[in-house]
Amino acid sequence: MAGSLSCCKYLMFFFNLLIFLGGAALLGVGIWVLVGADTFRQLISSDPAIFNAVYIIIAVGCFLFIVGFLGCCGAIKENKCMLATFFALILVIFVLEIVGGVLAFVYYPNAKTAALNSMKIYNENTEAGKTAKAAWDNFEKTFQCCGLNGQQDWIKAGILLHICANPTVGCESQIKNYFWVLGGISVGILFVELLAMIFACCLYKGADKERYA
């Protein structure tokens, strides 16, 4: 029994280290999308709801720092209160990540529609038009792409003379990358969190048996 409990301790520590690193990754990518990726934000700014998933994932990333510390301490000290709190927090974060993933999937078509609509006002001498122009010019230059699916998108939007960095490559794959990176990290962390909850339960029950043995 003592050997099994010791194994659980080290496994808990290992998984909490992974959770901590995963939280750092989620936080970093989420902040990059909101702050660093200004062009992407400008292109779909007509629908702020698209960013709900990103906000949720950033919040989850912050909580993972605290939870990782709590899990490590609970495992080493075999503190039932800390282990129970750890399990409850991980369960809440687990649910939030699923919600964030669903929102990202649901709102992706909205992001695509918003980007296509912004192409129609590209040449307008308005604040929205100037923002769309600067965003598209920056995005296409940075990622060496054109429209969402290629030059034909600009023609459909009524803009016949638009110079792209690479007329044959669409930008949709680049936009998808923002969502897939977040989604991929989230799925990996979900798996780690599930294992961490299982080991927390085992350690919680083991602490009781060891105490009364």
N, C-alpha and C. Protein backbone atom coordinates (compact mmCIF):
# COMPACT_ATOMS: atom_id res chain seq x y z
N MET A 1 0.82 -1.20 0.00
CA MET A 1 0.00 0.00 0.00
C MET A 1 0.86 1.27 0.00
N ALA A 2 1.94 1.21 0.84
CA ALA A 2 2.81 2.38 0.92
C ALA A 2 3.47 2.67 -0.42
N GLY A 3 3.85 1.57 -1.12
CA GLY A 3 4.49 1.75 -2.43
C GLY A 3 3.55 2.35 -3.44
N SER A 4 2.29 1.91 -3.41
CA SER A 4 1.28 2.43 -4.35
C SER A 4 1.01 3.90 -4.07
N LEU A 5 0.95 4.26 -2.77
CA LEU A 5 0.69 5.64 -2.39
C LEU A 5 1.84 6.54 -2.82
N SER A 6 3.06 6.03 -2.67
CA SER A 6 4.24 6.80 -3.08
C SER A 6 4.24 7.01 -4.59
N CYS A 7 3.83 5.97 -5.32
CA CYS A 7 3.75 6.08 -6.78
C CYS A 7 2.73 7.14 -7.18
N CYS A 8 1.59 7.15 -6.48
CA CYS A 8 0.54 8.15 -6.76
C CYS A 8 1.06 9.56 -6.53
N LYS A 9 1.87 9.71 -5.46
CA LYS A 9 2.42 11.03 -5.14
C LYS A 9 3.24 11.57 -6.31
N TYR A 10 4.15 10.74 -6.80
CA TYR A 10 5.03 11.19 -7.88
C TYR A 10 4.29 11.39 -9.19
N LEU A 11 3.29 10.54 -9.43
CA LEU A 11 2.48 10.72 -10.63
C LEU A 11 1.67 12.02 -10.56
N MET A 12 1.14 12.30 -9.35
CA MET A 12 0.41 13.55 -9.15
C MET A 12 1.32 14.75 -9.40
N PHE A 13 2.55 14.68 -8.88
CA PHE A 13 3.50 15.77 -9.07
C PHE A 13 3.81 15.96 -10.55
N PHE A 14 4.01 14.85 -11.26
CA PHE A 14 4.33 14.90 -12.69
C PHE A 14 3.18 15.50 -13.49
N PHE A 15 1.96 15.04 -13.23
CA PHE A 15 0.81 15.55 -13.98
C PHE A 15 0.52 17.02 -13.66
N ASN A 16 0.80 17.41 -12.41
CA ASN A 16 0.60 18.82 -12.07
C ASN A 16 1.64 19.71 -12.74
N LEU A 17 2.84 19.15 -12.95
CA LEU A 17 3.85 19.90 -13.70
C LEU A 17 3.38 20.09 -15.14
N LEU A 18 2.79 19.04 -15.73
CA LEU A 18 2.25 19.14 -17.08
C LEU A 18 1.10 20.15 -17.14
N ILE A 19 0.26 20.14 -16.11
CA ILE A 19 -0.86 21.08 -16.05
C ILE A 19 -0.34 22.52 -15.97
N PHE A 20 0.70 22.72 -15.17
CA PHE A 20 1.31 24.04 -15.05
C PHE A 20 1.85 24.52 -16.39
N LEU A 21 2.58 23.64 -17.09
CA LEU A 21 3.15 23.99 -18.39
C LEU A 21 2.05 24.21 -19.42
N GLY A 22 1.00 23.38 -19.35
CA GLY A 22 -0.13 23.55 -20.26
C GLY A 22 -0.83 24.87 -20.03
N GLY A 23 -0.96 25.26 -18.76
CA GLY A 23 -1.56 26.56 -18.44
C GLY A 23 -0.76 27.70 -19.01
N ALA A 24 0.57 27.58 -18.92
CA ALA A 24 1.44 28.62 -19.49
C ALA A 24 1.25 28.71 -21.00
N ALA A 25 1.12 27.55 -21.65
CA ALA A 25 0.92 27.53 -23.11
C ALA A 25 -0.42 28.15 -23.49
N LEU A 26 -1.47 27.78 -22.78
CA LEU A 26 -2.80 28.34 -23.06
C LEU A 26 -2.80 29.85 -22.86
N LEU A 27 -2.21 30.28 -21.76
CA LEU A 27 -2.17 31.70 -21.45
C LEU A 27 -1.39 32.47 -22.52
N GLY A 28 -0.25 31.91 -22.93
CA GLY A 28 0.57 32.57 -23.93
C GLY A 28 -0.11 32.70 -25.28
N VAL A 29 -0.70 31.59 -25.75
CA VAL A 29 -1.37 31.62 -27.05
C VAL A 29 -2.61 32.52 -27.00
N GLY A 30 -3.36 32.43 -25.90
CA GLY A 30 -4.56 33.25 -25.77
C GLY A 30 -4.25 34.75 -25.77
N ILE A 31 -3.22 35.13 -25.02
CA ILE A 31 -2.83 36.55 -24.98
C ILE A 31 -2.32 36.99 -26.34
N TRP A 32 -1.60 36.10 -27.03
CA TRP A 32 -1.09 36.45 -28.37
C TRP A 32 -2.23 36.74 -29.33
N VAL A 33 -3.30 35.91 -29.27
CA VAL A 33 -4.44 36.12 -30.16
C VAL A 33 -5.12 37.45 -29.86
N LEU A 34 -5.26 37.78 -28.57
CA LEU A 34 -5.97 39.00 -28.18
C LEU A 34 -5.14 40.27 -28.33
N VAL A 35 -3.85 40.16 -28.08
CA VAL A 35 -3.01 41.35 -28.07
C VAL A 35 -2.04 41.39 -29.24
N GLY A 36 -1.33 40.27 -29.45
CA GLY A 36 -0.29 40.28 -30.48
C GLY A 36 -0.83 40.17 -31.89
N ALA A 37 -1.90 39.40 -32.07
CA ALA A 37 -2.44 39.19 -33.41
C ALA A 37 -3.49 40.25 -33.74
N ASP A 38 -3.06 41.51 -33.77
CA ASP A 38 -3.98 42.63 -34.00
C ASP A 38 -4.71 42.52 -35.33
N THR A 39 -4.01 42.04 -36.35
CA THR A 39 -4.63 41.96 -37.68
C THR A 39 -5.82 41.03 -37.68
N PHE A 40 -5.62 39.87 -37.08
CA PHE A 40 -6.70 38.89 -37.01
C PHE A 40 -7.88 39.46 -36.23
N ARG A 41 -7.59 40.14 -35.13
CA ARG A 41 -8.65 40.73 -34.31
C ARG A 41 -9.43 41.77 -35.09
N GLN A 42 -8.74 42.59 -35.88
CA GLN A 42 -9.40 43.64 -36.66
C GLN A 42 -10.32 43.04 -37.72
N LEU A 43 -9.90 41.95 -38.32
CA LEU A 43 -10.68 41.34 -39.41
C LEU A 43 -12.03 40.83 -38.93
N ILE A 44 -12.10 40.35 -37.70
CA ILE A 44 -13.35 39.77 -37.23
C ILE A 44 -13.95 40.57 -36.07
N SER A 45 -13.54 41.83 -35.93
CA SER A 45 -13.99 42.65 -34.81
C SER A 45 -15.49 42.95 -34.84
N SER A 46 -16.15 42.71 -35.99
CA SER A 46 -17.59 42.97 -36.07
C SER A 46 -18.40 41.97 -35.25
N ASP A 47 -17.78 40.90 -34.81
CA ASP A 47 -18.47 39.92 -33.99
C ASP A 47 -17.62 39.58 -32.77
N PRO A 48 -17.70 40.41 -31.72
CA PRO A 48 -16.88 40.21 -30.52
C PRO A 48 -17.13 38.87 -29.84
N ALA A 49 -18.28 38.26 -30.07
CA ALA A 49 -18.60 36.98 -29.43
C ALA A 49 -17.61 35.88 -29.82
N ILE A 50 -16.96 36.06 -30.96
CA ILE A 50 -15.98 35.06 -31.42
C ILE A 50 -14.87 34.88 -30.40
N PHE A 51 -14.56 35.94 -29.67
CA PHE A 51 -13.44 35.89 -28.73
C PHE A 51 -13.82 35.32 -27.37
N ASN A 52 -15.09 34.96 -27.18
CA ASN A 52 -15.51 34.39 -25.90
C ASN A 52 -14.69 33.15 -25.56
N ALA A 53 -14.46 32.31 -26.56
CA ALA A 53 -13.69 31.08 -26.34
C ALA A 53 -12.27 31.41 -25.90
N VAL A 54 -11.67 32.44 -26.50
CA VAL A 54 -10.30 32.81 -26.15
C VAL A 54 -10.24 33.34 -24.72
N TYR A 55 -11.22 34.17 -24.34
CA TYR A 55 -11.26 34.70 -22.98
C TYR A 55 -11.37 33.58 -21.95
N ILE A 56 -12.20 32.59 -22.24
CA ILE A 56 -12.37 31.46 -21.34
C ILE A 56 -11.06 30.70 -21.18
N ILE A 57 -10.38 30.47 -22.31
CA ILE A 57 -9.13 29.70 -22.27
C ILE A 57 -8.03 30.46 -21.53
N ILE A 58 -8.01 31.79 -21.65
CA ILE A 58 -7.04 32.60 -20.91
C ILE A 58 -7.30 32.48 -19.41
N ALA A 59 -8.59 32.55 -19.03
CA ALA A 59 -8.96 32.41 -17.62
C ALA A 59 -8.53 31.04 -17.09
N VAL A 60 -8.74 30.00 -17.92
CA VAL A 60 -8.35 28.65 -17.54
C VAL A 60 -6.83 28.59 -17.34
N GLY A 61 -6.08 29.21 -18.24
CA GLY A 61 -4.62 29.21 -18.13
C GLY A 61 -4.14 29.81 -16.82
N CYS A 62 -4.77 30.91 -16.40
CA CYS A 62 -4.42 31.55 -15.13
C CYS A 62 -4.69 30.62 -13.95
N PHE A 63 -5.86 29.98 -13.95
CA PHE A 63 -6.23 29.09 -12.86
C PHE A 63 -5.31 27.88 -12.77
N LEU A 64 -4.80 27.44 -13.93
CA LEU A 64 -3.95 26.25 -13.93
C LEU A 64 -2.67 26.46 -13.13
N PHE A 65 -2.16 27.70 -13.08
CA PHE A 65 -0.98 27.99 -12.27
C PHE A 65 -1.25 27.69 -10.80
N ILE A 66 -2.40 28.18 -10.32
CA ILE A 66 -2.78 27.99 -8.92
C ILE A 66 -3.07 26.53 -8.63
N VAL A 67 -3.79 25.91 -9.55
CA VAL A 67 -4.18 24.52 -9.37
C VAL A 67 -2.96 23.60 -9.36
N GLY A 68 -1.99 23.87 -10.23
CA GLY A 68 -0.78 23.06 -10.28
C GLY A 68 -0.04 23.08 -8.96
N PHE A 69 0.06 24.26 -8.36
CA PHE A 69 0.72 24.39 -7.06
C PHE A 69 -0.06 23.65 -5.98
N LEU A 70 -1.38 23.81 -6.00
CA LEU A 70 -2.24 23.17 -5.00
C LEU A 70 -2.15 21.65 -5.10
N GLY A 71 -2.13 21.14 -6.33
CA GLY A 71 -2.05 19.69 -6.53
C GLY A 71 -0.73 19.12 -6.04
N CYS A 72 0.37 19.82 -6.31
CA CYS A 72 1.69 19.35 -5.86
C CYS A 72 1.75 19.28 -4.33
N CYS A 73 1.30 20.37 -3.69
CA CYS A 73 1.33 20.41 -2.22
C CYS A 73 0.43 19.34 -1.62
N GLY A 74 -0.77 19.18 -2.20
CA GLY A 74 -1.70 18.18 -1.69
C GLY A 74 -1.16 16.78 -1.81
N ALA A 75 -0.44 16.52 -2.93
CA ALA A 75 0.12 15.19 -3.14
C ALA A 75 1.25 14.89 -2.17
N ILE A 76 2.16 15.85 -2.01
CA ILE A 76 3.32 15.63 -1.16
C ILE A 76 2.92 15.49 0.31
N LYS A 77 1.98 16.34 0.75
CA LYS A 77 1.58 16.34 2.16
C LYS A 77 0.43 15.37 2.45
N GLU A 78 -0.15 14.81 1.40
CA GLU A 78 -1.31 13.92 1.54
C GLU A 78 -2.43 14.61 2.33
N ASN A 79 -2.61 15.88 2.03
CA ASN A 79 -3.63 16.67 2.70
C ASN A 79 -4.97 16.49 2.00
N LYS A 80 -5.93 15.88 2.71
CA LYS A 80 -7.21 15.55 2.09
C LYS A 80 -7.97 16.79 1.65
N CYS A 81 -7.88 17.85 2.44
CA CYS A 81 -8.58 19.10 2.10
C CYS A 81 -8.04 19.69 0.80
N MET A 82 -6.70 19.71 0.68
CA MET A 82 -6.07 20.25 -0.52
C MET A 82 -6.36 19.37 -1.73
N LEU A 83 -6.37 18.07 -1.53
CA LEU A 83 -6.66 17.14 -2.63
C LEU A 83 -8.10 17.30 -3.12
N ALA A 84 -9.02 17.47 -2.16
CA ALA A 84 -10.43 17.64 -2.53
C ALA A 84 -10.63 18.96 -3.28
N THR A 85 -9.95 20.01 -2.78
CA THR A 85 -10.05 21.32 -3.44
C THR A 85 -9.45 21.26 -4.84
N PHE A 86 -8.32 20.57 -4.93
CA PHE A 86 -7.66 20.38 -6.23
C PHE A 86 -8.60 19.69 -7.21
N PHE A 87 -9.24 18.60 -6.76
CA PHE A 87 -10.15 17.85 -7.63
C PHE A 87 -11.30 18.73 -8.10
N ALA A 88 -11.88 19.51 -7.16
CA ALA A 88 -13.02 20.37 -7.50
C ALA A 88 -12.63 21.44 -8.53
N LEU A 89 -11.46 22.05 -8.33
CA LEU A 89 -11.00 23.10 -9.26
C LEU A 89 -10.70 22.52 -10.64
N ILE A 90 -10.04 21.35 -10.66
CA ILE A 90 -9.73 20.71 -11.94
C ILE A 90 -11.01 20.36 -12.68
N LEU A 91 -12.02 19.90 -11.94
CA LEU A 91 -13.30 19.55 -12.56
C LEU A 91 -13.95 20.78 -13.18
N VAL A 92 -13.90 21.93 -12.47
CA VAL A 92 -14.46 23.18 -13.00
C VAL A 92 -13.72 23.61 -14.25
N ILE A 93 -12.39 23.55 -14.19
CA ILE A 93 -11.57 23.94 -15.35
C ILE A 93 -11.81 23.00 -16.52
N PHE A 94 -11.96 21.72 -16.22
CA PHE A 94 -12.24 20.70 -17.24
C PHE A 94 -13.50 21.08 -18.02
N VAL A 95 -14.54 21.45 -17.28
CA VAL A 95 -15.82 21.83 -17.90
C VAL A 95 -15.65 23.12 -18.70
N LEU A 96 -14.93 24.11 -18.13
CA LEU A 96 -14.73 25.39 -18.83
C LEU A 96 -13.98 25.20 -20.15
N GLU A 97 -13.00 24.32 -20.15
CA GLU A 97 -12.23 24.08 -21.37
C GLU A 97 -13.11 23.45 -22.45
N ILE A 98 -13.98 22.55 -22.03
CA ILE A 98 -14.90 21.95 -23.00
C ILE A 98 -15.83 23.02 -23.58
N VAL A 99 -16.32 23.92 -22.71
CA VAL A 99 -17.17 25.02 -23.16
C VAL A 99 -16.41 25.92 -24.13
N GLY A 100 -15.15 26.23 -23.78
CA GLY A 100 -14.33 27.07 -24.66
C GLY A 100 -14.10 26.43 -26.01
N GLY A 101 -13.86 25.11 -26.02
CA GLY A 101 -13.66 24.40 -27.28
C GLY A 101 -14.91 24.40 -28.14
N VAL A 102 -16.06 24.20 -27.50
CA VAL A 102 -17.33 24.21 -28.22
C VAL A 102 -17.59 25.60 -28.82
N LEU A 103 -17.32 26.64 -28.04
CA LEU A 103 -17.53 28.02 -28.53
C LEU A 103 -16.62 28.31 -29.72
N ALA A 104 -15.37 27.86 -29.64
CA ALA A 104 -14.44 28.08 -30.76
C ALA A 104 -14.95 27.41 -32.03
N PHE A 105 -15.49 26.19 -31.88
CA PHE A 105 -16.02 25.46 -33.02
C PHE A 105 -17.28 26.13 -33.57
N VAL A 106 -18.17 26.54 -32.66
CA VAL A 106 -19.44 27.15 -33.06
C VAL A 106 -19.24 28.50 -33.74
N TYR A 107 -18.30 29.30 -33.21
CA TYR A 107 -18.15 30.66 -33.73
C TYR A 107 -17.19 30.77 -34.91
N TYR A 108 -16.54 29.66 -35.28
CA TYR A 108 -15.62 29.76 -36.42
C TYR A 108 -16.32 30.23 -37.71
N PRO A 109 -17.51 29.71 -38.05
CA PRO A 109 -18.19 30.21 -39.25
C PRO A 109 -18.47 31.71 -39.18
N ASN A 110 -18.73 32.23 -37.95
CA ASN A 110 -18.95 33.68 -37.79
C ASN A 110 -17.69 34.46 -38.11
N ALA A 111 -16.54 33.90 -37.70
CA ALA A 111 -15.26 34.56 -37.99
C ALA A 111 -15.03 34.63 -39.49
N LYS A 112 -15.35 33.55 -40.18
CA LYS A 112 -15.17 33.49 -41.64
C LYS A 112 -16.08 34.50 -42.33
N THR A 113 -17.34 34.58 -41.89
CA THR A 113 -18.30 35.52 -42.47
C THR A 113 -17.86 36.96 -42.23
N ALA A 114 -17.40 37.24 -41.00
CA ALA A 114 -16.95 38.59 -40.67
C ALA A 114 -15.76 39.00 -41.53
N ALA A 115 -14.84 38.06 -41.77
CA ALA A 115 -13.67 38.36 -42.59
C ALA A 115 -14.08 38.65 -44.04
N LEU A 116 -15.01 37.85 -44.57
CA LEU A 116 -15.49 38.07 -45.94
C LEU A 116 -16.22 39.41 -46.07
N ASN A 117 -17.01 39.75 -45.06
CA ASN A 117 -17.73 41.03 -45.08
C ASN A 117 -16.77 42.21 -45.03
N SER A 118 -15.67 42.04 -44.31
CA SER A 118 -14.71 43.15 -44.21
C SER A 118 -14.03 43.43 -45.55
N MET A 119 -13.99 42.43 -46.44
CA MET A 119 -13.40 42.63 -47.77
C MET A 119 -14.25 43.59 -48.60
N LYS A 120 -15.56 43.60 -48.37
CA LYS A 120 -16.47 44.43 -49.16
C LYS A 120 -16.29 45.92 -48.87
N ILE A 121 -15.76 46.24 -47.71
CA ILE A 121 -15.58 47.66 -47.36
C ILE A 121 -14.11 48.08 -47.44
N TYR A 122 -13.31 47.25 -48.08
CA TYR A 122 -11.86 47.47 -48.16
C TYR A 122 -11.51 48.85 -48.70
N ASN A 123 -12.23 49.29 -49.74
CA ASN A 123 -11.90 50.57 -50.39
C ASN A 123 -12.75 51.74 -49.91
N GLU A 124 -13.59 51.51 -48.91
CA GLU A 124 -14.43 52.59 -48.41
C GLU A 124 -13.62 53.59 -47.59
N ASN A 125 -13.94 54.88 -47.79
CA ASN A 125 -13.22 55.93 -47.08
C ASN A 125 -13.91 56.22 -45.73
N THR A 126 -14.04 55.17 -44.94
CA THR A 126 -14.64 55.28 -43.61
C THR A 126 -13.67 54.67 -42.60
N GLU A 127 -13.98 54.87 -41.32
CA GLU A 127 -13.10 54.31 -40.28
C GLU A 127 -13.05 52.79 -40.38
N ALA A 128 -14.23 52.18 -40.61
CA ALA A 128 -14.29 50.72 -40.74
C ALA A 128 -13.53 50.25 -41.98
N GLY A 129 -13.67 51.02 -43.07
CA GLY A 129 -12.98 50.67 -44.31
C GLY A 129 -11.48 50.76 -44.16
N LYS A 130 -11.01 51.82 -43.50
CA LYS A 130 -9.56 51.99 -43.28
C LYS A 130 -9.01 50.88 -42.39
N THR A 131 -9.79 50.49 -41.39
CA THR A 131 -9.37 49.40 -40.50
C THR A 131 -9.28 48.09 -41.27
N ALA A 132 -10.29 47.83 -42.12
CA ALA A 132 -10.30 46.60 -42.92
C ALA A 132 -9.12 46.57 -43.88
N LYS A 133 -8.83 47.71 -44.49
CA LYS A 133 -7.73 47.79 -45.46
C LYS A 133 -6.39 47.51 -44.77
N ALA A 134 -6.17 48.18 -43.63
CA ALA A 134 -4.91 47.99 -42.90
C ALA A 134 -4.77 46.55 -42.42
N ALA A 135 -5.88 45.97 -41.95
CA ALA A 135 -5.85 44.60 -41.43
C ALA A 135 -5.53 43.60 -42.54
N TRP A 136 -6.23 43.72 -43.67
CA TRP A 136 -6.00 42.78 -44.77
C TRP A 136 -4.60 42.93 -45.35
N ASP A 137 -4.16 44.16 -45.54
CA ASP A 137 -2.82 44.38 -46.09
C ASP A 137 -1.75 43.77 -45.19
N ASN A 138 -1.91 43.96 -43.89
CA ASN A 138 -0.97 43.41 -42.92
C ASN A 138 -1.00 41.89 -42.91
N PHE A 139 -2.22 41.35 -42.87
CA PHE A 139 -2.40 39.90 -42.78
C PHE A 139 -1.83 39.20 -44.01
N GLU A 140 -2.15 39.73 -45.18
CA GLU A 140 -1.68 39.10 -46.42
C GLU A 140 -0.17 39.21 -46.58
N LYS A 141 0.37 40.31 -46.13
CA LYS A 141 1.82 40.48 -46.22
C LYS A 141 2.54 39.55 -45.25
N THR A 142 2.02 39.47 -44.03
CA THR A 142 2.65 38.64 -42.99
C THR A 142 2.62 37.16 -43.34
N PHE A 143 1.46 36.69 -43.83
CA PHE A 143 1.28 35.26 -44.08
C PHE A 143 1.39 34.87 -45.54
N GLN A 144 1.75 35.85 -46.40
CA GLN A 144 1.94 35.57 -47.82
C GLN A 144 0.73 34.84 -48.41
N CYS A 145 -0.46 35.47 -48.25
CA CYS A 145 -1.69 34.84 -48.73
C CYS A 145 -2.58 35.89 -49.38
N CYS A 146 -3.77 35.44 -49.86
CA CYS A 146 -4.66 36.36 -50.58
C CYS A 146 -6.11 35.99 -50.28
N GLY A 147 -6.88 36.94 -49.74
CA GLY A 147 -8.27 36.68 -49.40
C GLY A 147 -8.40 35.50 -48.47
N LEU A 148 -9.56 34.86 -48.48
CA LEU A 148 -9.72 33.66 -47.67
C LEU A 148 -9.32 32.41 -48.45
N ASN A 149 -9.73 32.39 -49.73
CA ASN A 149 -9.47 31.22 -50.56
C ASN A 149 -8.61 31.53 -51.78
N GLY A 150 -8.22 32.78 -51.92
CA GLY A 150 -7.42 33.19 -53.08
C GLY A 150 -7.93 34.50 -53.67
N GLN A 151 -7.35 34.89 -54.80
CA GLN A 151 -7.69 36.15 -55.46
C GLN A 151 -9.18 36.28 -55.80
N GLN A 152 -9.83 35.15 -56.05
CA GLN A 152 -11.24 35.18 -56.45
C GLN A 152 -12.15 35.80 -55.38
N ASP A 153 -11.75 35.73 -54.13
CA ASP A 153 -12.55 36.33 -53.06
C ASP A 153 -12.65 37.85 -53.21
N TRP A 154 -11.56 38.47 -53.64
CA TRP A 154 -11.56 39.91 -53.84
C TRP A 154 -12.44 40.29 -55.04
N ILE A 155 -12.40 39.46 -56.06
CA ILE A 155 -13.24 39.70 -57.25
C ILE A 155 -14.71 39.60 -56.87
N LYS A 156 -15.06 38.57 -56.06
CA LYS A 156 -16.45 38.42 -55.60
C LYS A 156 -16.89 39.59 -54.73
N ALA A 157 -15.95 40.19 -54.02
CA ALA A 157 -16.27 41.32 -53.15
C ALA A 157 -16.37 42.62 -53.94
N GLY A 158 -16.14 42.54 -55.25
CA GLY A 158 -16.25 43.73 -56.10
C GLY A 158 -14.98 44.52 -56.23
N ILE A 159 -13.87 43.96 -55.79
CA ILE A 159 -12.57 44.64 -55.89
C ILE A 159 -11.72 43.88 -56.90
N LEU A 160 -11.67 44.44 -58.11
CA LEU A 160 -11.01 43.73 -59.20
C LEU A 160 -9.49 43.89 -59.18
N LEU A 161 -9.04 45.05 -58.75
CA LEU A 161 -7.60 45.31 -58.74
C LEU A 161 -7.08 45.30 -57.31
N HIS A 162 -6.70 44.14 -56.84
CA HIS A 162 -6.14 44.01 -55.50
C HIS A 162 -4.84 43.22 -55.60
N ILE A 163 -3.77 43.81 -55.13
CA ILE A 163 -2.46 43.17 -55.23
C ILE A 163 -2.21 42.36 -53.96
N CYS A 164 -2.00 41.07 -54.14
CA CYS A 164 -1.73 40.18 -53.00
C CYS A 164 -0.26 39.74 -53.01
N ALA A 165 0.21 39.38 -51.83
CA ALA A 165 1.57 38.86 -51.72
C ALA A 165 1.70 37.53 -52.46
N ASN A 166 0.63 36.71 -52.38
CA ASN A 166 0.62 35.42 -53.06
C ASN A 166 -0.82 35.12 -53.48
N PRO A 167 -1.20 35.49 -54.72
CA PRO A 167 -2.59 35.40 -55.18
C PRO A 167 -3.19 33.99 -55.18
N THR A 168 -2.37 32.97 -55.19
CA THR A 168 -2.89 31.60 -55.31
C THR A 168 -3.13 30.92 -53.95
N VAL A 169 -2.67 31.53 -52.88
CA VAL A 169 -2.80 30.91 -51.54
C VAL A 169 -3.79 31.71 -50.71
N GLY A 170 -4.84 31.03 -50.22
CA GLY A 170 -5.84 31.68 -49.38
C GLY A 170 -5.39 31.81 -47.94
N CYS A 171 -6.00 32.75 -47.22
CA CYS A 171 -5.62 33.01 -45.82
C CYS A 171 -6.44 32.20 -44.82
N GLU A 172 -7.44 31.47 -45.31
CA GLU A 172 -8.31 30.75 -44.37
C GLU A 172 -7.52 29.75 -43.53
N SER A 173 -6.55 29.10 -44.13
CA SER A 173 -5.76 28.13 -43.37
C SER A 173 -5.01 28.80 -42.23
N GLN A 174 -4.60 30.06 -42.45
CA GLN A 174 -3.89 30.79 -41.40
C GLN A 174 -4.85 31.15 -40.27
N ILE A 175 -6.07 31.54 -40.62
CA ILE A 175 -7.07 31.87 -39.61
C ILE A 175 -7.42 30.62 -38.80
N LYS A 176 -7.54 29.50 -39.49
CA LYS A 176 -7.86 28.25 -38.80
C LYS A 176 -6.77 27.88 -37.80
N ASN A 177 -5.53 28.22 -38.14
CA ASN A 177 -4.42 27.87 -37.26
C ASN A 177 -4.58 28.46 -35.86
N TYR A 178 -5.13 29.68 -35.79
CA TYR A 178 -5.34 30.30 -34.48
C TYR A 178 -6.24 29.43 -33.61
N PHE A 179 -7.28 28.89 -34.22
CA PHE A 179 -8.23 28.06 -33.49
C PHE A 179 -7.68 26.66 -33.24
N TRP A 180 -6.99 26.09 -34.24
CA TRP A 180 -6.48 24.74 -34.06
C TRP A 180 -5.38 24.66 -33.02
N VAL A 181 -4.54 25.68 -32.94
CA VAL A 181 -3.48 25.70 -31.93
C VAL A 181 -4.09 25.67 -30.53
N LEU A 182 -5.08 26.56 -30.31
CA LEU A 182 -5.76 26.59 -29.02
C LEU A 182 -6.47 25.27 -28.74
N GLY A 183 -7.16 24.74 -29.78
CA GLY A 183 -7.89 23.49 -29.61
C GLY A 183 -6.98 22.32 -29.30
N GLY A 184 -5.85 22.24 -30.01
CA GLY A 184 -4.91 21.15 -29.78
C GLY A 184 -4.32 21.16 -28.39
N ILE A 185 -3.93 22.35 -27.93
CA ILE A 185 -3.39 22.47 -26.57
C ILE A 185 -4.44 22.08 -25.55
N SER A 186 -5.68 22.53 -25.79
CA SER A 186 -6.77 22.25 -24.84
C SER A 186 -7.05 20.76 -24.73
N VAL A 187 -7.07 20.05 -25.86
CA VAL A 187 -7.34 18.60 -25.84
C VAL A 187 -6.25 17.88 -25.05
N GLY A 188 -4.99 18.27 -25.26
CA GLY A 188 -3.88 17.65 -24.53
C GLY A 188 -4.01 17.87 -23.03
N ILE A 189 -4.38 19.10 -22.65
CA ILE A 189 -4.52 19.41 -21.23
C ILE A 189 -5.72 18.69 -20.63
N LEU A 190 -6.79 18.55 -21.39
CA LEU A 190 -7.97 17.82 -20.90
C LEU A 190 -7.59 16.39 -20.51
N PHE A 191 -6.77 15.75 -21.33
CA PHE A 191 -6.35 14.39 -21.04
C PHE A 191 -5.51 14.34 -19.77
N VAL A 192 -4.58 15.29 -19.63
CA VAL A 192 -3.73 15.34 -18.44
C VAL A 192 -4.57 15.60 -17.19
N GLU A 193 -5.54 16.52 -17.32
CA GLU A 193 -6.40 16.85 -16.19
C GLU A 193 -7.24 15.66 -15.76
N LEU A 194 -7.71 14.89 -16.72
CA LEU A 194 -8.51 13.70 -16.41
C LEU A 194 -7.68 12.71 -15.60
N LEU A 195 -6.44 12.49 -16.02
CA LEU A 195 -5.55 11.58 -15.29
C LEU A 195 -5.24 12.13 -13.90
N ALA A 196 -5.04 13.45 -13.83
CA ALA A 196 -4.74 14.08 -12.54
C ALA A 196 -5.90 13.90 -11.56
N MET A 197 -7.14 14.01 -12.04
CA MET A 197 -8.31 13.81 -11.17
C MET A 197 -8.38 12.37 -10.68
N ILE A 198 -8.05 11.43 -11.56
CA ILE A 198 -8.07 10.01 -11.17
C ILE A 198 -7.05 9.75 -10.07
N PHE A 199 -5.83 10.27 -10.25
CA PHE A 199 -4.78 10.06 -9.24
C PHE A 199 -5.09 10.81 -7.94
N ALA A 200 -5.75 11.96 -8.05
CA ALA A 200 -6.14 12.69 -6.84
C ALA A 200 -7.13 11.87 -6.02
N CYS A 201 -8.08 11.21 -6.70
CA CYS A 201 -9.05 10.36 -6.02
C CYS A 201 -8.35 9.17 -5.35
N CYS A 202 -7.41 8.57 -6.07
CA CYS A 202 -6.67 7.42 -5.51
C CYS A 202 -5.88 7.83 -4.28
N LEU A 203 -5.21 8.98 -4.36
CA LEU A 203 -4.40 9.47 -3.25
C LEU A 203 -5.28 9.85 -2.06
N TYR A 204 -6.45 10.41 -2.37
CA TYR A 204 -7.41 10.79 -1.31
C TYR A 204 -7.87 9.56 -0.53
N LYS A 205 -8.22 8.50 -1.26
CA LYS A 205 -8.67 7.26 -0.61
C LYS A 205 -7.50 6.55 0.09
N GLY A 206 -6.31 6.61 -0.55
CA GLY A 206 -5.13 5.98 0.03
C GLY A 206 -4.72 6.62 1.33
N ALA A 207 -4.90 7.94 1.44
CA ALA A 207 -4.53 8.66 2.67
C ALA A 207 -5.39 8.18 3.82
N ASP A 208 -6.67 7.89 3.56
CA ASP A 208 -7.57 7.38 4.59
C ASP A 208 -7.14 5.99 5.05
N LYS A 209 -6.84 5.10 4.11
CA LYS A 209 -6.47 3.73 4.44
C LYS A 209 -5.16 3.68 5.21
N GLU A 210 -4.21 4.56 4.80
CA GLU A 210 -2.91 4.58 5.47
C GLU A 210 -3.03 5.10 6.89
N ARG A 211 -3.97 6.07 7.04
CA ARG A 211 -4.16 6.68 8.37
C ARG A 211 -4.71 5.68 9.37
N TYR A 212 -5.63 4.81 8.89
CA TYR A 212 -6.28 3.87 9.81
C TYR A 212 -5.68 2.47 9.77
N ALA A 213 -4.59 2.34 9.01
CA ALA A 213 -3.95 1.01 8.94
C ALA A 213 -3.23 0.66 10.24
